[in-house]
Amino acid sequence: MGLCVCENNLMACLQATVSFQDEGVPAEQETPAKAEAPLADAPPVISPPLTPGEVKAKNPTIQRSLSLAEEKLVKNGNYFLDQDGIVRSRHFPKAQPYPQFPDTFACPLISGTPEDIRAGELFAYNKNKGLAACVRIETPGAPPIYIIDNHTLAYFAWEESRSMGYLKEGAALLHFDRHYDCFPAPVRPKPSSQLTDAAQYTLTHLDINTFIVPAMLNGTVAEFWNFSYFANNAYHYQNKMWGKLLCSTGKDFLSASCAMEAGNGDGTPFALKEVLSKINGTPLILDIDLDLFIWADWHYKEGLFPRKTAEKALANALPTIVALSKRAGVITIATSPGFADPKMTVDFARRIAAAITEGQLKKHRSPSKD
């Protein structure tokens, strides 16, 4: 397979950059969700979808035509063409407050291009500003890419992709992140095929570190490969009791029927090459948190990595990201306000999304029908 060169690039990248960790600073883990909140009210009422002609009639200055992917989104009812010419998610059409976190908002979800990824003004996490909008990007030959700020929204992105046929259940999750993000959620997801339920569950019950276990419990994710600190190797979680629990939250994982496999039987992690051989043929979710490359921590005024080092890390990792994306059913990329340096996140997110879409235009991919 054509991944070997890419794997070597990623390994070189992490040996030079991401594997660096100041011995004086312990590994950070995000704070788990604090309290359970009641289910939010019904989703906001949205106006009927408009055709491009109706949008132009309402506002002649807007020139808007829908791509083939956007036509499908509007046709299946998950998105609508707004009078401002923007294709918006019916489930996240505008900024919505997180009920359990005061003054913190989930930004709108729109269909767009890498150029639509922009910094916003609302707080997304702990007084850190998020994106102006989360952007779903789809081009012929590439899986849908969701650029999100809070990693929380990855759960909804995976559920939406599954409901639309881009992702089959029982997927392998490749999670490139400086944190594990695997605390149990305060409320288990209820069996449902409705995206409205997934949206409300995301908004009401999930946090930046509780979105993975629910995806395992509902069958979307069958196994979880976590690349953390050293992104050329991973520990393996499965949705069944297998092996020894190795994490401090072992009891929580036990209650959730999820367990971590101790690598090669001796507690060492699996190398990337081993991961790829084990997941061969399995539906794949590629999930990337930009804090892996451009970690900004409150211990460091200038962030952990200088711009030059982060640029080198991204350049070395991009070939592997593009190669893995060709096997993915969906890709989520989180800008992680409060954990990734905001001076670089928009630029890096645009460049990763552009690299994925530009590298896969040769072959058109349609959603699976089974």
Protein backbone atom coordinates (compact mmCIF):
# COMPACT_ATOMS: atom_id res chain seq x y z
CA MET A 1 0.00 0.00 0.00
CA GLY A 2 1.10 3.53 -0.61
CA LEU A 3 1.23 4.55 3.03
CA CYS A 4 4.77 3.63 3.93
CA VAL A 5 6.39 6.89 2.86
CA CYS A 6 3.68 8.82 4.63
CA GLU A 7 4.11 6.83 7.82
CA ASN A 8 7.82 7.56 7.79
CA ASN A 9 7.10 11.26 7.32
CA LEU A 10 4.75 11.24 10.29
CA MET A 11 7.24 9.36 12.42
CA ALA A 12 9.98 11.83 11.50
CA CYS A 13 7.63 14.68 12.30
CA LEU A 14 6.88 13.39 15.75
CA GLN A 15 10.41 12.47 16.59
CA ALA A 16 11.35 16.06 15.80
CA THR A 17 8.39 17.87 17.29
CA VAL A 18 5.26 16.33 18.75
CA SER A 19 7.08 13.82 20.91
CA PHE A 20 8.69 16.73 22.76
CA GLN A 21 7.27 17.25 26.22
CA ASP A 22 8.78 19.41 28.96
CA GLU A 23 9.48 17.11 31.89
CA GLY A 24 8.50 19.91 34.24
CA VAL A 25 4.94 20.04 32.96
CA PRO A 26 2.63 17.05 33.51
CA ALA A 27 0.36 15.89 30.72
CA GLU A 28 -2.87 17.82 30.71
CA GLN A 29 -6.29 16.22 30.49
CA GLU A 30 -9.41 18.24 29.91
CA THR A 31 -11.83 18.63 32.78
CA PRO A 32 -14.76 16.22 32.49
CA ALA A 33 -18.29 17.48 32.11
CA LYS A 34 -19.44 18.75 35.48
CA ALA A 35 -23.18 18.33 35.62
CA GLU A 36 -26.05 16.73 33.84
CA ALA A 37 -28.52 19.15 32.33
CA PRO A 38 -32.08 18.50 31.23
CA LEU A 39 -32.72 17.98 27.56
CA ALA A 40 -32.87 21.21 25.63
CA ASP A 41 -36.07 22.43 24.06
CA ALA A 42 -37.02 21.48 20.52
CA PRO A 43 -34.70 22.76 17.77
CA PRO A 44 -35.35 26.28 16.51
CA VAL A 45 -37.99 26.66 13.82
CA ILE A 46 -36.35 27.22 10.43
CA SER A 47 -37.91 28.84 7.40
CA PRO A 48 -38.62 26.56 4.40
CA PRO A 49 -35.58 26.06 2.16
CA LEU A 50 -35.13 28.47 -0.71
CA THR A 51 -34.01 27.74 -4.25
CA PRO A 52 -31.01 29.67 -5.62
CA GLY A 53 -33.50 31.66 -7.71
CA GLU A 54 -35.54 32.61 -4.64
CA VAL A 55 -32.40 33.66 -2.80
CA LYS A 56 -31.41 35.88 -5.72
CA ALA A 57 -34.93 37.35 -5.86
CA LYS A 58 -34.80 38.24 -2.16
CA ASN A 59 -31.28 39.64 -2.41
CA PRO A 60 -30.12 40.36 -5.97
CA THR A 61 -26.55 40.95 -4.79
CA ILE A 62 -26.16 37.27 -3.87
CA GLN A 63 -24.99 35.00 -6.66
CA ARG A 64 -25.42 31.43 -5.42
CA SER A 65 -25.47 28.05 -7.09
CA LEU A 66 -25.41 24.76 -5.23
CA SER A 67 -22.70 22.16 -5.69
CA LEU A 68 -23.78 18.55 -6.27
CA ALA A 69 -22.95 17.75 -2.65
CA GLU A 70 -25.02 20.71 -1.41
CA GLU A 71 -27.94 19.71 -3.60
CA LYS A 72 -27.93 16.32 -1.86
CA LEU A 73 -27.73 17.97 1.56
CA VAL A 74 -30.73 20.18 0.84
CA LYS A 75 -32.68 17.39 -0.85
CA ASN A 76 -32.38 15.01 2.11
CA GLY A 77 -33.58 17.75 4.46
CA ASN A 78 -30.56 17.97 6.75
CA TYR A 79 -29.53 21.39 5.37
CA PHE A 80 -31.34 24.33 3.82
CA LEU A 81 -30.40 27.27 1.63
CA ASP A 82 -30.90 30.39 3.71
CA GLN A 83 -31.86 33.80 2.31
CA ASP A 84 -28.29 35.00 2.86
CA GLY A 85 -27.08 32.39 0.35
CA ILE A 86 -25.54 30.11 2.98
CA VAL A 87 -26.37 26.41 3.13
CA ARG A 88 -27.02 25.81 6.83
CA SER A 89 -27.57 22.73 8.98
CA ARG A 90 -31.14 22.39 10.18
CA HIS A 91 -29.80 21.11 13.48
CA PHE A 92 -27.19 23.84 14.09
CA PRO A 93 -28.46 26.76 11.95
CA LYS A 94 -27.21 29.44 14.33
CA ALA A 95 -25.11 29.82 17.45
CA GLN A 96 -26.72 27.97 20.35
CA PRO A 97 -25.72 28.12 24.03
CA TYR A 98 -24.50 25.02 25.80
CA PRO A 99 -27.04 24.63 28.65
CA GLN A 100 -24.46 23.29 31.10
CA PHE A 101 -21.79 25.93 30.34
CA PRO A 102 -22.82 29.59 30.82
CA ASP A 103 -21.72 32.08 28.15
CA THR A 104 -20.44 29.28 25.93
CA PHE A 105 -21.83 28.58 22.47
CA ALA A 106 -21.94 25.94 19.77
CA CYS A 107 -21.42 27.83 16.55
CA PRO A 108 -23.55 27.32 13.40
CA LEU A 109 -22.78 24.45 11.02
CA ILE A 110 -22.68 25.41 7.35
CA SER A 111 -21.66 23.86 4.04
CA GLY A 112 -18.67 25.61 2.52
CA THR A 113 -15.04 25.57 1.45
CA PRO A 114 -11.73 25.98 3.31
CA GLU A 115 -12.03 29.74 2.75
CA ASP A 116 -15.16 29.76 4.93
CA ILE A 117 -13.15 28.72 8.00
CA ARG A 118 -12.90 31.93 10.04
CA ALA A 119 -12.38 32.99 13.63
CA GLY A 120 -15.51 33.98 15.53
CA GLU A 121 -16.37 36.27 18.42
CA LEU A 122 -18.37 34.00 20.73
CA PHE A 123 -16.82 31.98 23.54
CA ALA A 124 -16.63 28.29 22.69
CA TYR A 125 -14.71 27.00 25.69
CA ASN A 126 -13.60 28.57 28.97
CA LYS A 127 -13.57 32.18 27.69
CA ASN A 128 -11.77 31.20 24.49
CA LYS A 129 -13.36 32.26 21.22
CA GLY A 130 -14.40 29.66 18.66
CA LEU A 131 -15.05 29.71 14.94
CA ALA A 132 -17.55 31.96 13.20
CA ALA A 133 -19.10 28.73 11.90
CA CYS A 134 -18.24 25.07 11.77
CA VAL A 135 -17.81 24.17 8.11
CA ARG A 136 -18.75 20.95 6.34
CA ILE A 137 -16.63 20.56 3.21
CA GLU A 138 -17.30 17.98 0.52
CA THR A 139 -15.76 17.71 -2.93
CA PRO A 140 -15.87 14.89 -5.50
CA GLY A 141 -13.47 12.14 -4.54
CA ALA A 142 -13.14 13.14 -0.89
CA PRO A 143 -15.11 12.18 2.23
CA PRO A 144 -16.98 14.95 4.05
CA ILE A 145 -14.72 17.05 6.26
CA TYR A 146 -16.11 18.83 9.31
CA ILE A 147 -14.04 21.73 10.63
CA ILE A 148 -15.27 22.28 14.17
CA ASP A 149 -14.07 24.32 17.14
CA ASN A 150 -15.12 22.35 20.23
CA HIS A 151 -14.31 18.69 19.74
CA THR A 152 -17.74 17.97 21.24
CA LEU A 153 -19.34 18.44 17.83
CA ALA A 154 -17.44 15.48 16.36
CA TYR A 155 -20.11 13.19 17.79
CA PHE A 156 -22.81 14.88 15.75
CA ALA A 157 -20.64 14.93 12.62
CA TRP A 158 -20.11 11.17 12.86
CA GLU A 159 -23.80 10.51 13.44
CA GLU A 160 -24.80 12.72 10.51
CA SER A 161 -22.30 11.00 8.23
CA ARG A 162 -23.57 7.61 9.33
CA SER A 163 -27.20 8.59 8.71
CA MET A 164 -26.35 9.84 5.22
CA GLY A 165 -24.48 6.70 4.19
CA TYR A 166 -20.92 8.03 4.20
CA LEU A 167 -19.97 5.92 7.21
CA LYS A 168 -20.96 2.39 8.18
CA GLU A 169 -21.42 1.38 11.80
CA GLY A 170 -18.61 -0.39 13.57
CA ALA A 171 -15.97 2.08 12.41
CA ALA A 172 -12.39 2.32 13.59
CA LEU A 173 -11.65 5.76 15.03
CA LEU A 174 -8.13 7.10 14.46
CA HIS A 175 -7.91 9.91 17.01
CA PHE A 176 -4.88 12.21 16.65
CA ASP A 177 -4.99 14.40 19.74
CA ARG A 178 -2.87 15.52 22.67
CA HIS A 179 -5.67 14.31 24.96
CA TYR A 180 -7.58 11.03 25.18
CA ASP A 181 -11.04 12.66 25.27
CA CYS A 182 -12.51 9.43 26.61
CA PHE A 183 -14.40 10.27 29.79
CA PRO A 184 -17.85 8.67 29.98
CA ALA A 185 -20.71 11.06 29.31
CA PRO A 186 -23.10 11.79 32.22
CA VAL A 187 -26.00 10.41 30.16
CA ARG A 188 -25.87 7.44 27.81
CA PRO A 189 -27.18 8.03 24.27
CA LYS A 190 -30.66 6.63 23.67
CA PRO A 191 -31.19 4.43 20.61
CA SER A 192 -32.45 6.72 17.87
CA SER A 193 -32.10 7.18 14.14
CA GLN A 194 -33.11 10.84 14.31
CA LEU A 195 -30.40 13.46 13.83
CA THR A 196 -32.49 15.86 15.90
CA ASP A 197 -31.88 13.59 18.88
CA ALA A 198 -28.15 13.39 18.14
CA ALA A 199 -27.94 17.19 17.91
CA GLN A 200 -29.76 17.73 21.19
CA TYR A 201 -27.72 15.03 22.94
CA THR A 202 -24.51 16.69 21.70
CA LEU A 203 -25.59 20.14 22.80
CA THR A 204 -27.05 19.12 26.15
CA HIS A 205 -24.96 16.26 27.50
CA LEU A 206 -21.53 16.19 25.84
CA ASP A 207 -18.29 18.02 26.51
CA ILE A 208 -14.89 18.22 24.81
CA ASN A 209 -13.76 14.97 26.41
CA THR A 210 -16.94 12.88 26.48
CA PHE A 211 -17.86 12.52 22.81
CA ILE A 212 -16.04 9.25 22.02
CA VAL A 213 -17.48 6.77 24.54
CA PRO A 214 -21.12 7.49 23.48
CA ALA A 215 -20.14 6.83 19.85
CA MET A 216 -18.82 3.45 20.99
CA LEU A 217 -21.94 2.70 22.99
CA ASN A 218 -24.29 3.38 20.08
CA GLY A 219 -22.28 1.27 17.64
CA THR A 220 -20.92 4.01 15.40
CA VAL A 221 -17.39 3.33 16.67
CA ALA A 222 -16.29 -0.25 17.35
CA GLU A 223 -12.64 0.43 18.09
CA PHE A 224 -10.69 3.51 19.08
CA TRP A 225 -7.02 4.03 18.25
CA ASN A 226 -5.65 6.93 20.27
CA PHE A 227 -2.55 8.72 18.99
CA SER A 228 -1.59 11.04 21.84
CA TYR A 229 1.74 12.78 22.44
CA PHE A 230 3.49 10.34 20.12
CA ALA A 231 1.37 10.28 16.97
CA ASN A 232 3.35 7.45 15.36
CA ASN A 233 1.87 4.92 17.78
CA ALA A 234 -1.41 4.29 19.56
CA TYR A 235 -3.29 2.52 22.31
CA HIS A 236 -6.37 0.58 21.33
CA TYR A 237 -9.87 0.70 22.84
CA GLN A 238 -12.59 -1.79 21.91
CA ASN A 239 -16.31 -1.83 22.55
CA LYS A 240 -16.11 -5.03 24.58
CA MET A 241 -14.26 -6.25 27.63
CA TRP A 242 -10.84 -7.24 26.35
CA GLY A 243 -7.54 -7.12 28.18
CA LYS A 244 -6.60 -5.12 31.22
CA LEU A 245 -7.95 -1.67 32.00
CA LEU A 246 -4.99 0.68 32.14
CA CYS A 247 -6.56 4.06 32.79
CA SER A 248 -7.35 5.94 35.99
CA THR A 249 -11.05 5.98 35.05
CA GLY A 250 -11.15 2.20 34.76
CA LYS A 251 -14.39 1.81 36.72
CA ASP A 252 -16.12 4.27 34.41
CA PHE A 253 -14.96 2.36 31.37
CA LEU A 254 -16.06 -0.89 32.98
CA SER A 255 -19.57 0.46 33.44
CA ALA A 256 -19.55 1.65 29.83
CA SER A 257 -18.41 -1.77 28.55
CA CYS A 258 -15.34 -0.27 26.94
CA ALA A 259 -11.77 -1.36 27.54
CA MET A 260 -8.25 -0.58 26.43
CA GLU A 261 -5.97 -3.16 24.88
CA ALA A 262 -2.44 -3.07 26.29
CA GLY A 263 -0.68 -2.69 22.98
CA ASN A 264 1.63 -5.57 22.14
CA GLY A 265 0.81 -7.46 25.32
CA ASP A 266 3.50 -5.74 27.34
CA GLY A 267 1.90 -2.32 27.80
CA THR A 268 3.67 -0.76 24.83
CA PRO A 269 1.55 0.94 22.17
CA PHE A 270 0.98 -0.24 18.63
CA ALA A 271 3.04 1.40 15.89
CA LEU A 272 1.17 3.17 13.09
CA LYS A 273 2.07 0.43 10.63
CA GLU A 274 0.54 -2.17 12.96
CA VAL A 275 -2.60 -0.08 13.34
CA LEU A 276 -3.07 0.14 9.59
CA SER A 277 -2.68 -3.61 9.16
CA LYS A 278 -5.22 -4.32 11.92
CA ILE A 279 -7.90 -1.97 10.56
CA ASN A 280 -7.55 -3.06 6.95
CA GLY A 281 -11.04 -3.07 5.43
CA THR A 282 -12.72 -1.53 8.48
CA PRO A 283 -14.78 1.68 8.04
CA LEU A 284 -12.61 4.54 9.20
CA ILE A 285 -13.09 7.86 10.99
CA LEU A 286 -10.12 10.21 10.86
CA ASP A 287 -10.27 12.64 13.78
CA ILE A 288 -7.63 15.34 14.27
CA ASP A 289 -7.22 17.88 17.04
CA LEU A 290 -4.92 20.73 16.09
CA ASP A 291 -3.52 20.84 19.62
CA LEU A 292 -1.36 17.90 18.56
CA PHE A 293 0.65 20.29 16.39
CA ILE A 294 0.09 23.72 17.93
CA TRP A 295 -0.61 23.16 21.59
CA ALA A 296 -1.29 26.37 23.53
CA ASP A 297 -1.34 25.91 27.27
CA TRP A 298 -1.89 28.42 30.04
CA HIS A 299 1.56 27.52 31.39
CA TYR A 300 3.12 29.07 28.26
CA LYS A 301 2.50 32.65 27.18
CA GLU A 302 3.77 31.90 23.68
CA GLY A 303 2.35 28.40 23.41
CA LEU A 304 4.32 25.18 23.59
CA PHE A 305 5.55 25.15 20.02
CA PRO A 306 6.88 28.19 18.11
CA ARG A 307 5.42 28.80 14.66
CA LYS A 308 8.46 27.40 12.87
CA THR A 309 8.26 24.11 14.75
CA ALA A 310 4.52 23.80 14.20
CA GLU A 311 4.97 24.45 10.47
CA LYS A 312 7.50 21.63 10.27
CA ALA A 313 5.18 19.28 12.14
CA LEU A 314 2.30 20.05 9.80
CA ALA A 315 4.42 19.70 6.65
CA ASN A 316 5.66 16.29 7.74
CA ALA A 317 2.22 15.07 8.83
CA LEU A 318 0.18 16.23 5.81
CA PRO A 319 1.15 13.34 3.48
CA THR A 320 0.01 10.82 6.10
CA ILE A 321 -3.21 12.75 6.79
CA VAL A 322 -4.03 12.82 3.06
CA ALA A 323 -3.21 9.11 2.66
CA LEU A 324 -5.41 8.13 5.62
CA SER A 325 -8.22 10.38 4.42
CA LYS A 326 -8.57 8.26 1.28
CA ARG A 327 -9.73 5.39 3.49
CA ALA A 328 -12.02 7.49 5.70
CA GLY A 329 -15.80 7.77 5.61
CA VAL A 330 -15.69 11.08 7.47
CA ILE A 331 -13.01 13.43 8.75
CA THR A 332 -13.32 15.77 11.73
CA ILE A 333 -10.77 18.48 12.51
CA ALA A 334 -11.08 20.41 15.78
CA THR A 335 -9.46 23.81 16.34
CA SER A 336 -9.84 23.30 20.13
CA PRO A 337 -10.16 26.80 21.63
CA GLY A 338 -8.07 26.97 24.78
CA PHE A 339 -5.81 24.08 23.78
CA ALA A 340 -4.50 25.00 20.32
CA ASP A 341 -2.83 28.32 19.60
CA PRO A 342 -5.60 30.53 18.09
CA LYS A 343 -3.05 32.47 16.04
CA MET A 344 -2.49 29.39 13.88
CA THR A 345 -5.62 27.24 14.04
CA VAL A 346 -7.63 28.80 11.20
CA ASP A 347 -4.65 28.77 8.86
CA PHE A 348 -3.75 25.17 9.71
CA ALA A 349 -7.36 23.97 9.41
CA ARG A 350 -7.66 25.57 5.97
CA ARG A 351 -4.44 24.02 4.77
CA ILE A 352 -5.31 20.51 5.99
CA ALA A 353 -8.78 20.68 4.43
CA ALA A 354 -7.34 22.00 1.15
CA ALA A 355 -4.69 19.28 1.06
CA ILE A 356 -7.30 16.56 1.56
CA THR A 357 -9.71 17.87 -1.06
CA GLU A 358 -7.06 18.73 -3.65
CA GLY A 359 -5.42 15.34 -3.22
CA GLN A 360 -8.59 13.37 -3.94
CA LEU A 361 -10.26 14.97 -6.93
CA LYS A 362 -9.43 12.09 -9.26
CA LYS A 363 -12.20 9.77 -8.18
CA HIS A 364 -15.77 10.74 -7.29
CA ARG A 365 -17.24 9.12 -4.19
CA SER A 366 -20.98 8.77 -3.64
CA PRO A 367 -22.57 7.84 -0.30
CA SER A 368 -23.03 4.10 0.18
CA LYS A 369 -26.60 2.89 -0.02
CA ASP A 370 -26.37 -0.04 2.34
